[in-house]
Amino acid sequence: MPIVRVELWPGKPQEVKRKVAKAITEVMVENIGCPAQAVTVLFDEISQENWAIGGELCSTIFKDLK
């Protein structure tokens, strides 16, 4: 059934990912009507060096956030 892919920078704690996965699953169940067991949530951690916005690497744009 539904597969939801979440792309984010590395470093979020497991508990945060658990809460996000639960919230996404609940939204899918409520809006699509599928069972919770049918919802797959994938977390792809992409480093700022491999992510660009507006042609600039995020490692440059957000260098002060490290």
PDB file of N, CA and C in Angstrom:
ATOM      1  N   MET A   1       0.852  -1.178   0.000  1.00  0.00           N
ATOM      2  CA  MET A   1       0.000   0.000   0.000  1.00  0.00           C
ATOM      3  C   MET A   1       0.897   1.240   0.000  1.00  0.00           C
ATOM      4  N   PRO A   2       0.545   2.291   0.730  1.00  0.00           N
ATOM      5  CA  PRO A   2       1.303   3.535   0.596  1.00  0.00           C
ATOM      6  C   PRO A   2       2.721   3.431   1.156  1.00  0.00           C
ATOM      7  N   ILE A   3       3.630   4.057   0.417  1.00  0.00           N
ATOM      8  CA  ILE A   3       5.014   4.205   0.867  1.00  0.00           C
ATOM      9  C   ILE A   3       5.296   5.695   0.911  1.00  0.00           C
ATOM     10  N   VAL A   4       5.727   6.193   2.058  1.00  0.00           N
ATOM     11  CA  VAL A   4       6.038   7.610   2.229  1.00  0.00           C
ATOM     12  C   VAL A   4       7.529   7.731   2.492  1.00  0.00           C
ATOM     13  N   ARG A   5       8.194   8.527   1.673  1.00  0.00           N
ATOM     14  CA  ARG A   5       9.640   8.720   1.805  1.00  0.00           C
ATOM     15  C   ARG A   5       9.886  10.102   2.412  1.00  0.00           C
ATOM     16  N   VAL A   6      10.647  10.136   3.492  1.00  0.00           N
ATOM     17  CA  VAL A   6      11.006  11.382   4.165  1.00  0.00           C
ATOM     18  C   VAL A   6      12.503  11.586   3.977  1.00  0.00           C
ATOM     19  N   GLU A   7      12.871  12.660   3.304  1.00  0.00           N
ATOM     20  CA  GLU A   7      14.284  12.975   3.085  1.00  0.00           C
ATOM     21  C   GLU A   7      14.662  14.103   4.034  1.00  0.00           C
ATOM     22  N   LEU A   8      15.725  13.892   4.788  1.00  0.00           N
ATOM     23  CA  LEU A   8      16.146  14.862   5.779  1.00  0.00           C
ATOM     24  C   LEU A   8      17.641  14.755   6.002  1.00  0.00           C
ATOM     25  N   TRP A   9      18.174  15.782   6.657  1.00  0.00           N
ATOM     26  CA  TRP A   9      19.594  15.746   6.986  1.00  0.00           C
ATOM     27  C   TRP A   9      19.825  14.749   8.114  1.00  0.00           C
ATOM     28  N   PRO A  10      21.006  14.177   8.186  1.00  0.00           N
ATOM     29  CA  PRO A  10      21.320  13.216   9.253  1.00  0.00           C
ATOM     30  C   PRO A  10      21.301  13.868  10.637  1.00  0.00           C
ATOM     31  N   GLY A  11      21.084  13.032  11.636  1.00  0.00           N
ATOM     32  CA  GLY A  11      21.254  13.485  13.010  1.00  0.00           C
ATOM     33  C   GLY A  11      19.997  13.567  13.848  1.00  0.00           C
ATOM     34  N   LYS A  12      18.828  13.356  13.248  1.00  0.00           N
ATOM     35  CA  LYS A  12      17.617  13.391  14.068  1.00  0.00           C
ATOM     36  C   LYS A  12      17.591  12.154  14.958  1.00  0.00           C
ATOM     37  N   PRO A  13      17.255  12.323  16.232  1.00  0.00           N
ATOM     38  CA  PRO A  13      17.202  11.171  17.140  1.00  0.00           C
ATOM     39  C   PRO A  13      16.131  10.164  16.716  1.00  0.00           C
ATOM     40  N   GLN A  14      16.334   8.926  17.102  1.00  0.00           N
ATOM     41  CA  GLN A  14      15.404   7.848  16.765  1.00  0.00           C
ATOM     42  C   GLN A  14      13.997   8.151  17.273  1.00  0.00           C
ATOM     43  N   GLU A  15      13.890   8.771  18.432  1.00  0.00           N
ATOM     44  CA  GLU A  15      12.573   9.083  18.991  1.00  0.00           C
ATOM     45  C   GLU A  15      11.816  10.079  18.112  1.00  0.00           C
ATOM     46  N   VAL A  16      12.520  11.034  17.529  1.00  0.00           N
ATOM     47  CA  VAL A  16      11.886  11.989  16.614  1.00  0.00           C
ATOM     48  C   VAL A  16      11.367  11.254  15.385  1.00  0.00           C
ATOM     49  N   LYS A  17      12.186  10.366  14.832  1.00  0.00           N
ATOM     50  CA  LYS A  17      11.760   9.597  13.659  1.00  0.00           C
ATOM     51  C   LYS A  17      10.561   8.717  13.999  1.00  0.00           C
ATOM     52  N   ARG A  18      10.551   8.155  15.173  1.00  0.00           N
ATOM     53  CA  ARG A  18       9.430   7.311  15.610  1.00  0.00           C
ATOM     54  C   ARG A  18       8.133   8.133  15.643  1.00  0.00           C
ATOM     55  N   LYS A  19       8.209   9.353  16.203  1.00  0.00           N
ATOM     56  CA  LYS A  19       7.029  10.217  16.276  1.00  0.00           C
ATOM     57  C   LYS A  19       6.556  10.633  14.885  1.00  0.00           C
ATOM     58  N   VAL A  20       7.491  10.956  14.010  1.00  0.00           N
ATOM     59  CA  VAL A  20       7.144  11.347  12.640  1.00  0.00           C
ATOM     60  C   VAL A  20       6.488  10.177  11.914  1.00  0.00           C
ATOM     61  N   ALA A  21       7.063   8.988  12.048  1.00  0.00           N
ATOM     62  CA  ALA A  21       6.502   7.803  11.393  1.00  0.00           C
ATOM     63  C   ALA A  21       5.082   7.529  11.887  1.00  0.00           C
ATOM     64  N   LYS A  22       4.874   7.676  13.176  1.00  0.00           N
ATOM     65  CA  LYS A  22       3.540   7.441  13.742  1.00  0.00           C
ATOM     66  C   LYS A  22       2.544   8.470  13.217  1.00  0.00           C
ATOM     67  N   ALA A  23       2.955   9.742  13.186  1.00  0.00           N
ATOM     68  CA  ALA A  23       2.064  10.803  12.716  1.00  0.00           C
ATOM     69  C   ALA A  23       1.716  10.623  11.239  1.00  0.00           C
ATOM     70  N   ILE A  24       2.711  10.298  10.426  1.00  0.00           N
ATOM     71  CA  ILE A  24       2.459  10.070   8.999  1.00  0.00           C
ATOM     72  C   ILE A  24       1.514   8.888   8.817  1.00  0.00           C
ATOM     73  N   THR A  25       1.752   7.826   9.561  1.00  0.00           N
ATOM     74  CA  THR A  25       0.895   6.643   9.468  1.00  0.00           C
ATOM     75  C   THR A  25      -0.545   6.994   9.822  1.00  0.00           C
ATOM     76  N   GLU A  26      -0.737   7.752  10.886  1.00  0.00           N
ATOM     77  CA  GLU A  26      -2.089   8.141  11.299  1.00  0.00           C
ATOM     78  C   GLU A  26      -2.786   8.965  10.221  1.00  0.00           C
ATOM     79  N   VAL A  27      -2.053   9.883   9.586  1.00  0.00           N
ATOM     80  CA  VAL A  27      -2.632  10.700   8.513  1.00  0.00           C
ATOM     81  C   VAL A  27      -3.046   9.824   7.335  1.00  0.00           C
ATOM     82  N   MET A  28      -2.210   8.870   6.972  1.00  0.00           N
ATOM     83  CA  MET A  28      -2.532   7.987   5.849  1.00  0.00           C
ATOM     84  C   MET A  28      -3.756   7.125   6.165  1.00  0.00           C
ATOM     85  N   VAL A  29      -3.815   6.599   7.375  1.00  0.00           N
ATOM     86  CA  VAL A  29      -4.956   5.767   7.782  1.00  0.00           C
ATOM     87  C   VAL A  29      -6.246   6.589   7.731  1.00  0.00           C
ATOM     88  N   GLU A  30      -6.201   7.807   8.283  1.00  0.00           N
ATOM     89  CA  GLU A  30      -7.390   8.658   8.336  1.00  0.00           C
ATOM     90  C   GLU A  30      -7.846   9.107   6.951  1.00  0.00           C
ATOM     91  N   ASN A  31      -6.919   9.382   6.058  1.00  0.00           N
ATOM     92  CA  ASN A  31      -7.269   9.982   4.775  1.00  0.00           C
ATOM     93  C   ASN A  31      -7.396   8.995   3.624  1.00  0.00           C
ATOM     94  N   ILE A  32      -6.684   7.889   3.696  1.00  0.00           N
ATOM     95  CA  ILE A  32      -6.750   6.893   2.625  1.00  0.00           C
ATOM     96  C   ILE A  32      -7.636   5.717   3.026  1.00  0.00           C
ATOM     97  N   GLY A  33      -7.711   5.477   4.324  1.00  0.00           N
ATOM     98  CA  GLY A  33      -8.548   4.394   4.805  1.00  0.00           C
ATOM     99  C   GLY A  33      -7.876   3.037   4.815  1.00  0.00           C
ATOM    100  N   CYS A  34      -6.552   3.025   4.728  1.00  0.00           N
ATOM    101  CA  CYS A  34      -5.818   1.759   4.758  1.00  0.00           C
ATOM    102  C   CYS A  34      -5.479   1.397   6.207  1.00  0.00           C
ATOM    103  N   PRO A  35      -5.167   0.136   6.466  1.00  0.00           N
ATOM    104  CA  PRO A  35      -4.735  -0.236   7.815  1.00  0.00           C
ATOM    105  C   PRO A  35      -3.332   0.301   8.096  1.00  0.00           C
ATOM    106  N   ALA A  36      -3.057   0.585   9.351  1.00  0.00           N
ATOM    107  CA  ALA A  36      -1.743   1.116   9.735  1.00  0.00           C
ATOM    108  C   ALA A  36      -0.615   0.190   9.303  1.00  0.00           C
ATOM    109  N   GLN A  37      -0.850  -1.114   9.345  1.00  0.00           N
ATOM    110  CA  GLN A  37       0.177  -2.086   8.989  1.00  0.00           C
ATOM    111  C   GLN A  37       0.553  -2.020   7.509  1.00  0.00           C
ATOM    112  N   ALA A  38      -0.257  -1.351   6.705  1.00  0.00           N
ATOM    113  CA  ALA A  38       0.017  -1.249   5.271  1.00  0.00           C
ATOM    114  C   ALA A  38       0.871  -0.033   4.919  1.00  0.00           C
ATOM    115  N   VAL A  39       1.072   0.868   5.874  1.00  0.00           N
ATOM    116  CA  VAL A  39       1.813   2.106   5.612  1.00  0.00           C
ATOM    117  C   VAL A  39       3.297   1.888   5.886  1.00  0.00           C
ATOM    118  N   THR A  40       4.122   2.194   4.893  1.00  0.00           N
ATOM    119  CA  THR A  40       5.572   2.124   5.050  1.00  0.00           C
ATOM    120  C   THR A  40       6.122   3.540   5.026  1.00  0.00           C
ATOM    121  N   VAL A  41       6.961   3.874   6.005  1.00  0.00           N
ATOM    122  CA  VAL A  41       7.628   5.179   6.050  1.00  0.00           C
ATOM    123  C   VAL A  41       9.121   4.925   5.963  1.00  0.00           C
ATOM    124  N   LEU A  42       9.757   5.533   4.968  1.00  0.00           N
ATOM    125  CA  LEU A  42      11.200   5.391   4.768  1.00  0.00           C
ATOM    126  C   LEU A  42      11.887   6.711   5.075  1.00  0.00           C
ATOM    127  N   PHE A  43      12.954   6.653   5.856  1.00  0.00           N
ATOM    128  CA  PHE A  43      13.749   7.845   6.147  1.00  0.00           C
ATOM    129  C   PHE A  43      15.054   7.757   5.369  1.00  0.00           C
ATOM    130  N   ASP A  44      15.279   8.734   4.506  1.00  0.00           N
ATOM    131  CA  ASP A  44      16.537   8.831   3.767  1.00  0.00           C
ATOM    132  C   ASP A  44      17.309  10.013   4.333  1.00  0.00           C
ATOM    133  N   GLU A  45      18.436   9.720   4.960  1.00  0.00           N
ATOM    134  CA  GLU A  45      19.276  10.787   5.499  1.00  0.00           C
ATOM    135  C   GLU A  45      20.291  11.187   4.435  1.00  0.00           C
ATOM    136  N   ILE A  46      20.211  12.437   4.020  1.00  0.00           N
ATOM    137  CA  ILE A  46      21.078  12.949   2.970  1.00  0.00           C
ATOM    138  C   ILE A  46      21.914  14.075   3.560  1.00  0.00           C
ATOM    139  N   SER A  47      23.220  13.950   3.445  1.00  0.00           N
ATOM    140  CA  SER A  47      24.105  14.962   4.026  1.00  0.00           C
ATOM    141  C   SER A  47      23.949  16.291   3.298  1.00  0.00           C
ATOM    142  N   GLN A  48      24.287  17.357   3.984  1.00  0.00           N
ATOM    143  CA  GLN A  48      24.208  18.693   3.398  1.00  0.00           C
ATOM    144  C   GLN A  48      25.156  18.839   2.214  1.00  0.00           C
ATOM    145  N   GLU A  49      26.202  18.037   2.174  1.00  0.00           N
ATOM    146  CA  GLU A  49      27.140  18.068   1.055  1.00  0.00           C
ATOM    147  C   GLU A  49      26.532  17.456  -0.205  1.00  0.00           C
ATOM    148  N   ASN A  50      25.459  16.685  -0.041  1.00  0.00           N
ATOM    149  CA  ASN A  50      24.798  16.018  -1.166  1.00  0.00           C
ATOM    150  C   ASN A  50      23.400  16.570  -1.432  1.00  0.00           C
ATOM    151  N   TRP A  51      23.119  17.767  -0.925  1.00  0.00           N
ATOM    152  CA  TRP A  51      21.795  18.371  -1.054  1.00  0.00           C
ATOM    153  C   TRP A  51      22.002  19.821  -1.457  1.00  0.00           C
ATOM    154  N   ALA A  52      21.336  20.245  -2.512  1.00  0.00           N
ATOM    155  CA  ALA A  52      21.473  21.628  -2.978  1.00  0.00           C
ATOM    156  C   ALA A  52      20.108  22.288  -3.089  1.00  0.00           C
ATOM    157  N   ILE A  53      20.074  23.577  -2.813  1.00  0.00           N
ATOM    158  CA  ILE A  53      18.874  24.394  -2.965  1.00  0.00           C
ATOM    159  C   ILE A  53      19.266  25.607  -3.801  1.00  0.00           C
ATOM    160  N   GLY A  54      18.561  25.849  -4.862  1.00  0.00           N
ATOM    161  CA  GLY A  54      18.853  27.000  -5.707  1.00  0.00           C
ATOM    162  C   GLY A  54      20.249  26.986  -6.297  1.00  0.00           C
ATOM    163  N   GLY A  55      20.788  25.802  -6.522  1.00  0.00           N
ATOM    164  CA  GLY A  55      22.109  25.670  -7.125  1.00  0.00           C
ATOM    165  C   GLY A  55      23.266  25.769  -6.148  1.00  0.00           C
ATOM    166  N   GLU A  56      22.971  25.930  -4.875  1.00  0.00           N
ATOM    167  CA  GLU A  56      24.015  26.021  -3.846  1.00  0.00           C
ATOM    168  C   GLU A  56      23.908  24.834  -2.896  1.00  0.00           C
ATOM    169  N   LEU A  57      25.051  24.290  -2.523  1.00  0.00           N
ATOM    170  CA  LEU A  57      25.047  23.184  -1.565  1.00  0.00           C
ATOM    171  C   LEU A  57      24.567  23.672  -0.202  1.00  0.00           C
ATOM    172  N   CYS A  58      23.777  22.842   0.445  1.00  0.00           N
ATOM    173  CA  CYS A  58      23.279  23.190   1.775  1.00  0.00           C
ATOM    174  C   CYS A  58      24.413  23.320   2.781  1.00  0.00           C
ATOM    175  N   SER A  59      25.507  22.612   2.542  1.00  0.00           N
ATOM    176  CA  SER A  59      26.656  22.734   3.443  1.00  0.00           C
ATOM    177  C   SER A  59      27.210  24.152   3.422  1.00  0.00           C
ATOM    178  N   THR A  60      27.017  24.873   2.325  1.00  0.00           N
ATOM    179  CA  THR A  60      27.433  26.271   2.233  1.00  0.00           C
ATOM    180  C   THR A  60      26.341  27.196   2.760  1.00  0.00           C
ATOM    181  N   ILE A  61      25.123  26.954   2.328  1.00  0.00           N
ATOM    182  CA  ILE A  61      24.000  27.817   2.723  1.00  0.00           C
ATOM    183  C   ILE A  61      23.811  27.824   4.238  1.00  0.00           C
ATOM    184  N   PHE A  62      23.896  26.647   4.837  1.00  0.00           N
ATOM    185  CA  PHE A  62      23.588  26.502   6.260  1.00  0.00           C
ATOM    186  C   PHE A  62      24.829  26.201   7.090  1.00  0.00           C
ATOM    187  N   LYS A  63      25.970  26.702   6.680  1.00  0.00           N
ATOM    188  CA  LYS A  63      27.227  26.374   7.364  1.00  0.00           C
ATOM    189  C   LYS A  63      27.223  26.795   8.829  1.00  0.00           C
ATOM    190  N   ASP A  64      26.461  27.817   9.191  1.00  0.00           N
ATOM    191  CA  ASP A  64      26.424  28.280  10.578  1.00  0.00           C
ATOM    192  C   ASP A  64      25.544  27.409  11.471  1.00  0.00           C
ATOM    193  N   LEU A  65      24.787  26.478  10.885  1.00  0.00           N
ATOM    194  CA  LEU A  65      23.906  25.612  11.675  1.00  0.00           C
ATOM    195  C   LEU A  65      24.602  24.371  12.198  1.00  0.00           C
ATOM    196  N   LYS A  66      25.817  24.122  11.753  1.00  0.00           N
ATOM    197  CA  LYS A  66      26.516  22.903  12.173  1.00  0.00           C
ATOM    198  C   LYS A  66      27.024  23.016  13.575  1.00  0.00           C
TER     199      LYS A  66
END
